[in-house]
Amino acid sequence: MLWRSLGGFAVIMMAAVVAVSWWSVRQTLERTADVVESLLGLYADPTGEPTTVAPAMLVDQLAGVGARFFITRRMTDGNAQRRAYFLTPQMPAREIAGISPNADNEEIAGALRAGLAGRQLNFAILHRARGSFDIFVALDRTPYLFAVGGLLVATVVLLPISVLVARRATRQLVQDSLAPVEQLRAEIAAITPAALQERVTTPTGWRETTEIADTVNGLIDQVDQAHRALAAFTADASHELRTPLTFVRAQAQWLLDRPRSAQDMREAVALMSDEAERMHRLVEQLLLLARGDNNDLETPESHVDVAAIVHEVAEVTTGLVAQRPIAVVTDIKEPLQVRGDAGQLRQILLNLASNAARYTDAGTIALRGRQVSTGIELDVADTGIGIAPAHVPRLFERFFRAESSRSRASGGAGLGLAIVRMLVDHHGGEITVSSEAGQGSCFTVRIPTA
């Protein structure tokens, strides 16, 4: 296919060169004929009648053309016979021998070609009529034939060689260009899940591949972080489930060791029920986080009366702290509406409020809400133990507890704030926290209107 294409290209090029050469020859002949014809225009016979001899003036004028040409002239002699003569700058007019008086221009041109050393193909002849004169301009085509022949030889010999050299050079260039890409591919292929600490070598020596390598390294960093987070999440989830399962198993074994009284059995079953409830909550939280990770949460589409949700959460929180000297207050600037999911917004406020109840022994838990130009702002503030500055950046990590003993005692698994962050992000909002150890904490949730 390649050689056929190259052959076709060579033929087209040869045809184009031949056409251009012939056009150049034709233009040269035409220009020479124009010059000769203009010189003939200077001639005027003194008698006003055609003569049988070309004047010396005409010959002198024609001698300045510098090209090979012939001028023939048809005249009638004294015997009323038509004769054909030709003129050249080198000699006076002579009758054309062997030419019939009635010969046409083609016959005369043929005789002229025969006179050009018999090399008819090497000369191009142009005829132009001018009164009783006929101008024949001859041009040697040998230089053009040599040029075309040289091009033909170059095409036949050099084109295949050039193609082979260019093909080899192109292949080498492509190989050299792809070498960094191949090295990059090999390094990426060597990074397995067990070797996520490895990175692609940078810089590669090529700007483009260096950018790709940096991008790949960034992706590997993300995969490594996700892998570590998944491993930690799995370990934490297993630990959180192992503790209640161990307790339930121990209680069941205790009941089976020997007969127990009805009171002991009721107490043991109640404890197992509490642990089962704790496991149920943990599993529900894990499933909720999994749905969030898979973008499988309900899309917030309805207008929600957030004020009603705040009052509802305040009532639930009041029940949670009923045995402690804690006042639950609300400060709502109605109307307080936003586009969202009522269940998810309730989950956000309930998690924050229950978290405040868990870390507040006495004082106040305040739930505040206000409409702003960009949406709504919700505050859940408490006067509890506060949060150490070192713990604030990790508050929304899964299974993180600022106070592990207090969280476990209250049944917390360290997933509440992680769920809050996920649901707030799902609504396109943000959550911030301000806290000081011993002075309480304030979580602020901002939900946009759209």
Protein backbone atom coordinates (compact mmCIF):
# COMPACT_ATOMS: atom_id res chain seq x y z
CA MET A 1 0.00 0.00 0.00
CA LEU A 2 2.82 2.40 0.89
CA TRP A 3 4.78 1.65 -2.28
CA ARG A 4 1.68 2.04 -4.46
CA SER A 5 1.05 5.41 -2.88
CA LEU A 6 4.64 6.47 -3.42
CA GLY A 7 4.52 5.24 -7.04
CA GLY A 8 1.37 7.22 -7.68
CA PHE A 9 2.93 10.27 -6.09
CA ALA A 10 6.05 9.88 -8.30
CA VAL A 11 3.92 9.60 -11.45
CA ILE A 12 1.97 12.70 -10.50
CA MET A 13 5.19 14.59 -9.81
CA MET A 14 6.70 13.51 -13.15
CA ALA A 15 3.57 14.55 -15.02
CA ALA A 16 3.63 17.89 -13.24
CA VAL A 17 7.31 18.45 -14.10
CA VAL A 18 6.72 17.54 -17.76
CA ALA A 19 3.73 19.88 -17.92
CA VAL A 20 5.70 22.71 -16.33
CA SER A 21 8.64 22.07 -18.68
CA TRP A 22 6.42 22.16 -21.76
CA TRP A 23 4.73 25.31 -20.49
CA SER A 24 8.16 26.92 -19.95
CA VAL A 25 9.27 25.95 -23.49
CA ARG A 26 6.05 27.34 -24.92
CA GLN A 27 6.44 30.60 -23.03
CA THR A 28 10.03 30.97 -24.25
CA LEU A 29 8.96 30.38 -27.85
CA GLU A 30 6.11 32.87 -27.54
CA ARG A 31 8.37 35.56 -26.09
CA THR A 32 10.97 35.03 -28.84
CA ALA A 33 8.26 35.16 -31.50
CA ASP A 34 6.97 38.40 -29.97
CA VAL A 35 10.44 39.95 -30.23
CA VAL A 36 10.93 38.79 -33.83
CA GLU A 37 7.47 39.99 -34.80
CA SER A 38 8.11 43.40 -33.26
CA LEU A 39 11.33 43.69 -35.27
CA LEU A 40 9.50 42.79 -38.46
CA GLY A 41 7.14 45.62 -37.71
CA LEU A 42 10.02 48.06 -38.11
CA TYR A 43 10.53 47.04 -41.75
CA ALA A 44 8.94 49.11 -44.49
CA ASP A 45 9.96 48.54 -48.14
CA PRO A 46 10.95 51.84 -49.77
CA THR A 47 8.92 51.08 -52.86
CA GLY A 48 5.97 49.89 -50.86
CA GLU A 49 6.08 46.60 -52.74
CA PRO A 50 7.45 43.25 -51.57
CA THR A 51 10.99 42.56 -52.85
CA THR A 52 12.69 39.30 -53.61
CA VAL A 53 15.66 40.07 -51.40
CA ALA A 54 15.53 40.76 -47.65
CA PRO A 55 17.03 44.19 -46.93
CA ALA A 56 20.22 44.28 -44.87
CA MET A 57 18.40 46.41 -42.33
CA LEU A 58 15.98 43.57 -41.63
CA VAL A 59 18.83 41.10 -41.24
CA ASP A 60 20.66 43.43 -38.87
CA GLN A 61 17.56 43.86 -36.74
CA LEU A 62 16.91 40.14 -36.57
CA ALA A 63 20.54 39.41 -35.64
CA GLY A 64 19.97 40.98 -32.21
CA VAL A 65 17.37 38.42 -31.12
CA GLY A 66 19.95 35.84 -30.02
CA ALA A 67 17.74 32.80 -30.60
CA ARG A 68 17.42 30.23 -33.36
CA PHE A 69 14.64 31.24 -35.70
CA PHE A 70 13.67 31.16 -39.37
CA ILE A 71 11.64 33.63 -41.36
CA THR A 72 10.07 32.47 -44.59
CA ARG A 73 8.55 34.68 -47.20
CA ARG A 74 6.30 33.75 -50.12
CA MET A 75 6.69 35.85 -53.23
CA THR A 76 5.78 35.69 -56.90
CA ASP A 77 8.71 35.91 -59.34
CA GLY A 78 8.74 37.50 -62.79
CA ASN A 79 7.31 34.34 -64.34
CA ALA A 80 4.31 34.49 -62.02
CA GLN A 81 5.66 31.51 -60.06
CA ARG A 82 5.31 31.52 -56.27
CA ARG A 83 8.55 30.84 -54.44
CA ALA A 84 9.36 30.33 -50.75
CA TYR A 85 12.46 31.89 -49.21
CA PHE A 86 13.91 31.85 -45.73
CA LEU A 87 15.97 34.46 -43.95
CA THR A 88 18.55 34.11 -41.19
CA PRO A 89 20.74 36.68 -39.49
CA GLN A 90 23.84 34.94 -40.85
CA MET A 91 23.07 34.89 -44.56
CA PRO A 92 20.92 36.60 -47.20
CA ALA A 93 17.58 35.25 -48.30
CA ARG A 94 17.68 31.86 -49.96
CA GLU A 95 15.02 29.91 -51.67
CA ILE A 96 13.92 26.87 -49.73
CA ALA A 97 15.01 23.90 -51.78
CA GLY A 98 12.70 20.95 -52.15
CA ILE A 99 9.65 22.86 -51.04
CA SER A 100 6.70 23.14 -53.35
CA PRO A 101 5.57 26.70 -53.95
CA ASN A 102 2.16 25.66 -52.67
CA ALA A 103 3.53 23.90 -49.57
CA ASP A 104 1.75 24.69 -46.33
CA ASN A 105 3.41 25.77 -43.13
CA GLU A 106 3.50 22.25 -41.66
CA GLU A 107 5.51 21.02 -44.64
CA ILE A 108 7.93 23.91 -44.29
CA ALA A 109 8.22 23.28 -40.53
CA GLY A 110 8.97 19.62 -41.23
CA ALA A 111 11.74 20.60 -43.62
CA LEU A 112 13.16 22.92 -40.99
CA ARG A 113 13.15 20.16 -38.39
CA ALA A 114 14.96 17.89 -40.84
CA GLY A 115 17.56 20.57 -41.20
CA LEU A 116 18.20 20.70 -37.47
CA ALA A 117 20.71 17.82 -37.49
CA GLY A 118 17.85 15.36 -37.88
CA ARG A 119 17.00 15.59 -34.16
CA GLN A 120 13.35 16.38 -34.48
CA LEU A 121 12.43 15.43 -30.89
CA ASN A 122 15.05 17.75 -29.44
CA PHE A 123 13.56 20.91 -30.90
CA ALA A 124 10.25 22.67 -30.47
CA ILE A 125 9.11 24.92 -33.29
CA LEU A 126 6.51 27.69 -33.08
CA HIS A 127 4.90 29.15 -36.21
CA ARG A 128 3.38 32.59 -36.44
CA ALA A 129 2.11 34.35 -39.62
CA ARG A 130 2.89 38.01 -40.26
CA GLY A 131 1.66 39.31 -43.63
CA SER A 132 3.79 37.68 -46.33
CA PHE A 133 6.21 36.49 -43.65
CA ASP A 134 5.97 33.30 -41.63
CA ILE A 135 7.98 33.21 -38.41
CA PHE A 136 9.31 29.85 -37.22
CA VAL A 137 11.06 29.97 -33.83
CA ALA A 138 13.05 26.87 -32.81
CA LEU A 139 14.14 26.04 -29.27
CA ASP A 140 16.50 23.25 -28.24
CA ARG A 141 14.67 21.06 -25.71
CA THR A 142 17.75 19.07 -24.73
CA PRO A 143 18.25 20.87 -21.35
CA TYR A 144 14.62 20.24 -20.46
CA LEU A 145 14.89 16.58 -21.48
CA PHE A 146 17.99 16.19 -19.35
CA ALA A 147 16.19 17.78 -16.40
CA VAL A 148 13.19 15.47 -16.78
CA GLY A 149 15.47 12.46 -17.23
CA GLY A 150 17.47 13.41 -14.16
CA LEU A 151 14.29 13.77 -12.16
CA LEU A 152 13.11 10.38 -13.38
CA VAL A 153 16.39 8.76 -12.32
CA ALA A 154 16.23 10.53 -8.96
CA THR A 155 12.66 9.37 -8.50
CA VAL A 156 13.39 5.76 -9.38
CA VAL A 157 16.65 5.52 -7.43
CA LEU A 158 16.56 8.08 -4.65
CA LEU A 159 12.89 7.96 -3.68
CA PRO A 160 12.98 4.36 -2.35
CA ILE A 161 16.24 5.09 -0.55
CA SER A 162 14.80 8.28 0.92
CA VAL A 163 11.67 6.46 2.01
CA LEU A 164 13.68 3.71 3.70
CA VAL A 165 15.93 6.22 5.46
CA ALA A 166 12.95 8.34 6.52
CA ARG A 167 11.09 5.26 7.72
CA ARG A 168 14.02 4.13 9.81
CA ALA A 169 14.59 7.63 11.18
CA THR A 170 10.89 7.98 12.00
CA ARG A 171 10.83 4.61 13.74
CA GLN A 172 13.88 5.56 15.78
CA LEU A 173 12.36 8.93 16.62
CA VAL A 174 9.11 7.31 17.72
CA GLN A 175 11.00 4.77 19.83
CA ASP A 176 13.04 7.52 21.46
CA SER A 177 9.87 9.54 22.07
CA LEU A 178 8.03 6.58 23.57
CA ALA A 179 10.93 5.46 25.75
CA PRO A 180 9.90 7.71 28.70
CA VAL A 181 6.29 6.60 28.27
CA GLU A 182 7.33 2.94 28.30
CA GLN A 183 9.44 3.52 31.40
CA LEU A 184 6.49 5.29 33.01
CA ARG A 185 4.19 2.40 32.10
CA ALA A 186 6.61 -0.14 33.57
CA GLU A 187 6.93 1.79 36.82
CA ILE A 188 3.16 2.15 37.13
CA ALA A 189 2.65 -1.56 36.44
CA ALA A 190 5.10 -2.37 39.24
CA ILE A 191 2.99 -0.50 41.81
CA THR A 192 0.68 -3.16 43.25
CA PRO A 193 -1.79 -2.86 46.14
CA ALA A 194 0.95 -4.28 48.36
CA ALA A 195 3.42 -1.59 47.24
CA LEU A 196 1.38 1.60 47.39
CA GLN A 197 4.31 3.33 49.07
CA GLU A 198 6.18 3.28 45.75
CA ARG A 199 6.04 6.29 43.45
CA VAL A 200 6.82 6.98 39.80
CA THR A 201 10.20 8.60 39.18
CA THR A 202 10.07 12.34 38.41
CA PRO A 203 11.17 14.31 36.53
CA THR A 204 11.27 12.05 33.50
CA GLY A 205 13.22 14.39 31.23
CA TRP A 206 10.12 15.22 29.16
CA ARG A 207 7.68 17.86 30.30
CA GLU A 208 4.61 15.96 29.12
CA THR A 209 5.54 12.66 30.76
CA THR A 210 6.64 14.48 33.91
CA GLU A 211 3.15 15.99 34.16
CA ILE A 212 1.62 12.54 33.66
CA ALA A 213 3.96 11.07 36.30
CA ASP A 214 3.02 13.80 38.78
CA THR A 215 -0.67 13.16 38.10
CA VAL A 216 -0.20 9.41 38.57
CA ASN A 217 1.68 10.00 41.82
CA GLY A 218 -1.17 12.18 43.02
CA LEU A 219 -3.67 9.43 42.18
CA ILE A 220 -1.51 6.85 43.96
CA ASP A 221 -1.41 9.13 47.01
CA GLN A 222 -5.20 9.25 47.00
CA VAL A 223 -5.47 5.48 46.56
CA ASP A 224 -2.93 4.96 49.36
CA GLN A 225 -4.85 7.27 51.67
CA ALA A 226 -8.13 5.58 50.79
CA HIS A 227 -6.53 2.17 51.32
CA ARG A 228 -5.18 3.19 54.72
CA ALA A 229 -8.51 4.75 55.67
CA LEU A 230 -10.34 1.58 54.61
CA ALA A 231 -7.95 -0.58 56.61
CA ALA A 232 -8.36 1.65 59.66
CA PHE A 233 -12.13 1.75 59.17
CA THR A 234 -12.31 -2.03 58.94
CA ALA A 235 -10.17 -2.44 62.04
CA ASP A 236 -12.21 0.11 64.00
CA ALA A 237 -15.52 -1.37 62.89
CA SER A 238 -14.34 -4.86 63.80
CA HIS A 239 -13.22 -3.61 67.20
CA GLU A 240 -16.50 -1.80 67.83
CA LEU A 241 -18.49 -4.91 66.94
CA ARG A 242 -16.18 -7.29 68.77
CA THR A 243 -16.77 -5.63 72.16
CA PRO A 244 -20.59 -6.03 72.29
CA LEU A 245 -20.40 -9.45 70.64
CA THR A 246 -17.92 -10.61 73.26
CA PHE A 247 -20.17 -9.29 75.99
CA VAL A 248 -23.27 -10.97 74.52
CA ARG A 249 -21.39 -14.23 74.15
CA ALA A 250 -20.16 -14.03 77.74
CA GLN A 251 -23.65 -13.35 79.05
CA ALA A 252 -25.08 -16.23 77.06
CA GLN A 253 -22.36 -18.53 78.32
CA TRP A 254 -23.02 -17.36 81.87
CA LEU A 255 -26.68 -18.23 81.51
CA LEU A 256 -25.85 -21.68 80.16
CA ASP A 257 -23.24 -22.56 82.76
CA ARG A 258 -25.88 -23.49 85.37
CA PRO A 259 -29.48 -22.75 86.18
CA ARG A 260 -30.13 -19.07 86.99
CA SER A 261 -32.93 -17.39 88.80
CA ALA A 262 -35.61 -15.56 86.88
CA GLN A 263 -34.24 -12.22 88.09
CA ASP A 264 -30.70 -13.07 86.95
CA MET A 265 -32.00 -14.19 83.58
CA ARG A 266 -34.00 -10.98 83.10
CA GLU A 267 -30.99 -8.86 83.97
CA ALA A 268 -28.69 -10.83 81.64
CA VAL A 269 -31.17 -10.65 78.77
CA ALA A 270 -31.63 -6.90 79.36
CA LEU A 271 -27.87 -6.39 79.16
CA MET A 272 -27.69 -8.45 75.97
CA SER A 273 -30.56 -6.42 74.52
CA ASP A 274 -28.70 -3.19 75.28
CA GLU A 275 -25.58 -4.49 73.54
CA ALA A 276 -27.65 -5.72 70.61
CA GLU A 277 -29.20 -2.26 70.33
CA ARG A 278 -25.73 -0.73 70.38
CA MET A 279 -24.64 -3.07 67.57
CA HIS A 280 -27.79 -2.23 65.65
CA ARG A 281 -27.07 1.50 65.88
CA LEU A 282 -23.47 0.91 64.82
CA VAL A 283 -24.52 -1.15 61.81
CA GLU A 284 -27.09 1.48 60.81
CA GLN A 285 -24.44 4.18 61.03
CA LEU A 286 -22.02 2.11 58.96
CA LEU A 287 -24.68 1.50 56.33
CA LEU A 288 -25.48 5.23 56.21
CA LEU A 289 -21.81 6.07 55.70
CA ALA A 290 -21.55 3.39 53.01
CA ARG A 291 -24.54 4.89 51.16
CA GLY A 292 -22.89 8.28 51.36
CA ASP A 293 -19.62 6.92 50.00
CA ASN A 294 -21.54 5.35 47.10
CA ASN A 295 -23.56 8.55 46.43
CA ASP A 296 -26.70 6.60 47.23
CA LEU A 297 -28.33 9.13 49.58
CA GLU A 298 -31.69 10.73 48.88
CA THR A 299 -31.34 13.92 46.83
CA PRO A 300 -32.46 17.01 48.80
CA GLU A 301 -35.35 18.36 46.70
CA SER A 302 -38.21 19.50 48.97
CA HIS A 303 -38.71 22.69 50.96
CA VAL A 304 -38.21 21.91 54.64
CA ASP A 305 -39.48 23.80 57.68
CA VAL A 306 -36.25 23.71 59.67
CA ALA A 307 -37.81 25.56 62.62
CA ALA A 308 -40.08 22.58 63.33
CA ILE A 309 -37.10 20.22 63.17
CA VAL A 310 -35.14 22.38 65.64
CA HIS A 311 -38.03 22.32 68.14
CA GLU A 312 -38.40 18.55 67.73
CA VAL A 313 -34.68 17.95 68.34
CA ALA A 314 -34.82 20.26 71.37
CA GLU A 315 -37.56 18.08 72.90
CA VAL A 316 -35.54 14.91 72.29
CA THR A 317 -32.44 16.52 73.81
CA THR A 318 -34.42 17.60 76.86
CA GLY A 319 -35.32 13.95 77.43
CA LEU A 320 -31.66 12.92 77.10
CA VAL A 321 -30.51 15.33 79.85
CA ALA A 322 -33.57 15.06 82.07
CA GLN A 323 -31.50 13.62 84.94
CA ARG A 324 -28.89 16.39 84.81
CA PRO A 325 -28.99 20.12 85.55
CA ILE A 326 -28.94 21.12 81.90
CA ALA A 327 -31.27 23.60 80.25
CA VAL A 328 -32.09 23.09 76.57
CA VAL A 329 -33.01 26.39 74.90
CA THR A 330 -33.91 27.38 71.36
CA ASP A 331 -33.55 30.66 69.49
CA ILE A 332 -35.27 30.51 66.10
CA LYS A 333 -35.66 33.45 63.75
CA GLU A 334 -38.64 32.29 61.68
CA PRO A 335 -39.34 31.64 58.89
CA LEU A 336 -36.54 29.13 58.60
CA GLN A 337 -36.85 27.17 55.37
CA VAL A 338 -34.42 25.57 52.97
CA ARG A 339 -34.44 23.05 50.15
CA GLY A 340 -33.26 19.75 51.59
CA ASP A 341 -34.15 16.38 53.05
CA ALA A 342 -36.03 16.61 56.34
CA GLY A 343 -34.75 13.27 57.67
CA GLN A 344 -31.13 14.13 56.94
CA LEU A 345 -31.42 17.61 58.46
CA ARG A 346 -32.98 16.07 61.57
CA GLN A 347 -30.10 13.56 61.73
CA ILE A 348 -27.57 16.42 61.56
CA LEU A 349 -29.14 18.35 64.44
CA LEU A 350 -29.84 15.24 66.53
CA ASN A 351 -26.24 14.01 66.24
CA LEU A 352 -24.88 17.42 67.24
CA ALA A 353 -27.35 17.78 70.11
CA SER A 354 -26.73 14.26 71.46
CA ASN A 355 -22.99 14.90 71.19
CA ALA A 356 -23.47 18.10 73.24
CA ALA A 357 -25.52 16.17 75.82
CA ARG A 358 -22.79 13.52 76.06
CA TYR A 359 -20.06 16.03 76.92
CA THR A 360 -22.06 18.44 79.09
CA ASP A 361 -22.57 17.68 82.78
CA ALA A 362 -24.34 20.91 83.70
CA GLY A 363 -25.22 24.21 82.11
CA THR A 364 -26.94 24.94 78.80
CA ILE A 365 -27.42 23.41 75.37
CA ALA A 366 -28.62 26.00 72.87
CA LEU A 367 -30.10 25.33 69.42
CA ARG A 368 -30.21 28.45 67.27
CA GLY A 369 -31.35 29.05 63.70
CA ARG A 370 -31.46 32.05 61.38
CA GLN A 371 -32.13 32.81 57.74
CA VAL A 372 -29.27 34.52 55.89
CA SER A 373 -28.88 35.76 52.32
CA THR A 374 -27.18 32.55 51.18
CA GLY A 375 -29.40 30.09 53.05
CA ILE A 376 -29.69 29.16 56.71
CA GLU A 377 -27.30 28.90 59.64
CA LEU A 378 -27.82 26.49 62.53
CA ASP A 379 -25.85 26.55 65.79
CA VAL A 380 -25.64 23.83 68.43
CA ALA A 381 -23.74 25.26 71.41
CA ASP A 382 -23.06 23.82 74.85
CA THR A 383 -21.28 24.72 78.08
CA GLY A 384 -19.61 21.34 78.39
CA ILE A 385 -16.02 20.23 78.73
CA GLY A 386 -14.98 21.67 75.35
CA ILE A 387 -12.50 20.24 72.90
CA ALA A 388 -8.72 20.38 73.06
CA PRO A 389 -7.21 22.32 70.12
CA ALA A 390 -5.19 19.25 69.08
CA HIS A 391 -8.40 17.25 68.63
CA VAL A 392 -10.34 19.79 66.52
CA PRO A 393 -8.80 18.84 63.12
CA ARG A 394 -9.76 15.18 63.66
CA LEU A 395 -13.28 15.67 64.99
CA PHE A 396 -14.98 14.53 61.79
CA GLU A 397 -12.84 11.43 61.26
CA ARG A 398 -14.62 8.11 61.54
CA PHE A 399 -14.29 6.36 64.92
CA PHE A 400 -12.40 9.29 66.41
CA ARG A 401 -13.27 10.09 70.03
CA ALA A 402 -11.90 13.09 71.86
CA GLU A 403 -12.83 11.39 75.15
CA SER A 404 -12.83 7.63 74.53
CA SER A 405 -14.01 6.55 77.97
CA ARG A 406 -16.93 8.99 78.04
CA SER A 407 -18.01 8.02 74.50
CA ARG A 408 -17.95 4.30 75.21
CA ALA A 409 -19.85 4.73 78.45
CA SER A 410 -22.61 6.58 76.60
CA GLY A 411 -22.70 4.10 73.74
CA GLY A 412 -20.97 6.31 71.18
CA ALA A 413 -18.85 4.74 68.43
CA GLY A 414 -17.21 7.89 67.09
CA LEU A 415 -19.31 8.01 63.91
CA GLY A 416 -21.82 10.75 64.75
CA LEU A 417 -19.77 13.73 63.60
CA ALA A 418 -18.53 11.85 60.53
CA ILE A 419 -22.17 11.33 59.55
CA VAL A 420 -22.91 15.01 60.20
CA ARG A 421 -20.08 16.09 57.88
CA MET A 422 -21.24 13.68 55.17
CA LEU A 423 -24.88 14.87 55.31
CA VAL A 424 -23.87 18.55 55.36
CA ASP A 425 -21.66 17.98 52.30
CA HIS A 426 -24.55 16.19 50.61
CA HIS A 427 -26.62 19.36 51.03
CA GLY A 428 -23.81 21.46 49.56
CA GLY A 429 -23.16 23.14 52.91
CA GLU A 430 -20.34 23.42 55.41
CA ILE A 431 -19.80 22.88 59.12
CA THR A 432 -17.39 24.67 61.43
CA VAL A 433 -16.59 24.33 65.11
CA SER A 434 -15.29 26.73 67.71
CA SER A 435 -14.32 25.36 71.09
CA GLU A 436 -12.16 25.98 74.11
CA ALA A 437 -11.29 23.36 76.68
CA GLY A 438 -13.47 23.78 79.76
CA GLN A 439 -15.65 26.46 78.11
CA GLY A 440 -17.89 24.42 75.82
CA SER A 441 -18.26 24.09 72.06
CA CYS A 442 -20.32 25.56 69.24
CA PHE A 443 -20.96 23.74 65.95
CA THR A 444 -22.28 25.92 63.09
CA VAL A 445 -23.97 24.38 60.05
CA ARG A 446 -24.55 26.45 56.90
CA ILE A 447 -26.97 25.12 54.28
CA PRO A 448 -27.35 27.08 51.01
CA THR A 449 -30.77 27.85 49.58
CA ALA A 450 -30.10 25.90 46.36
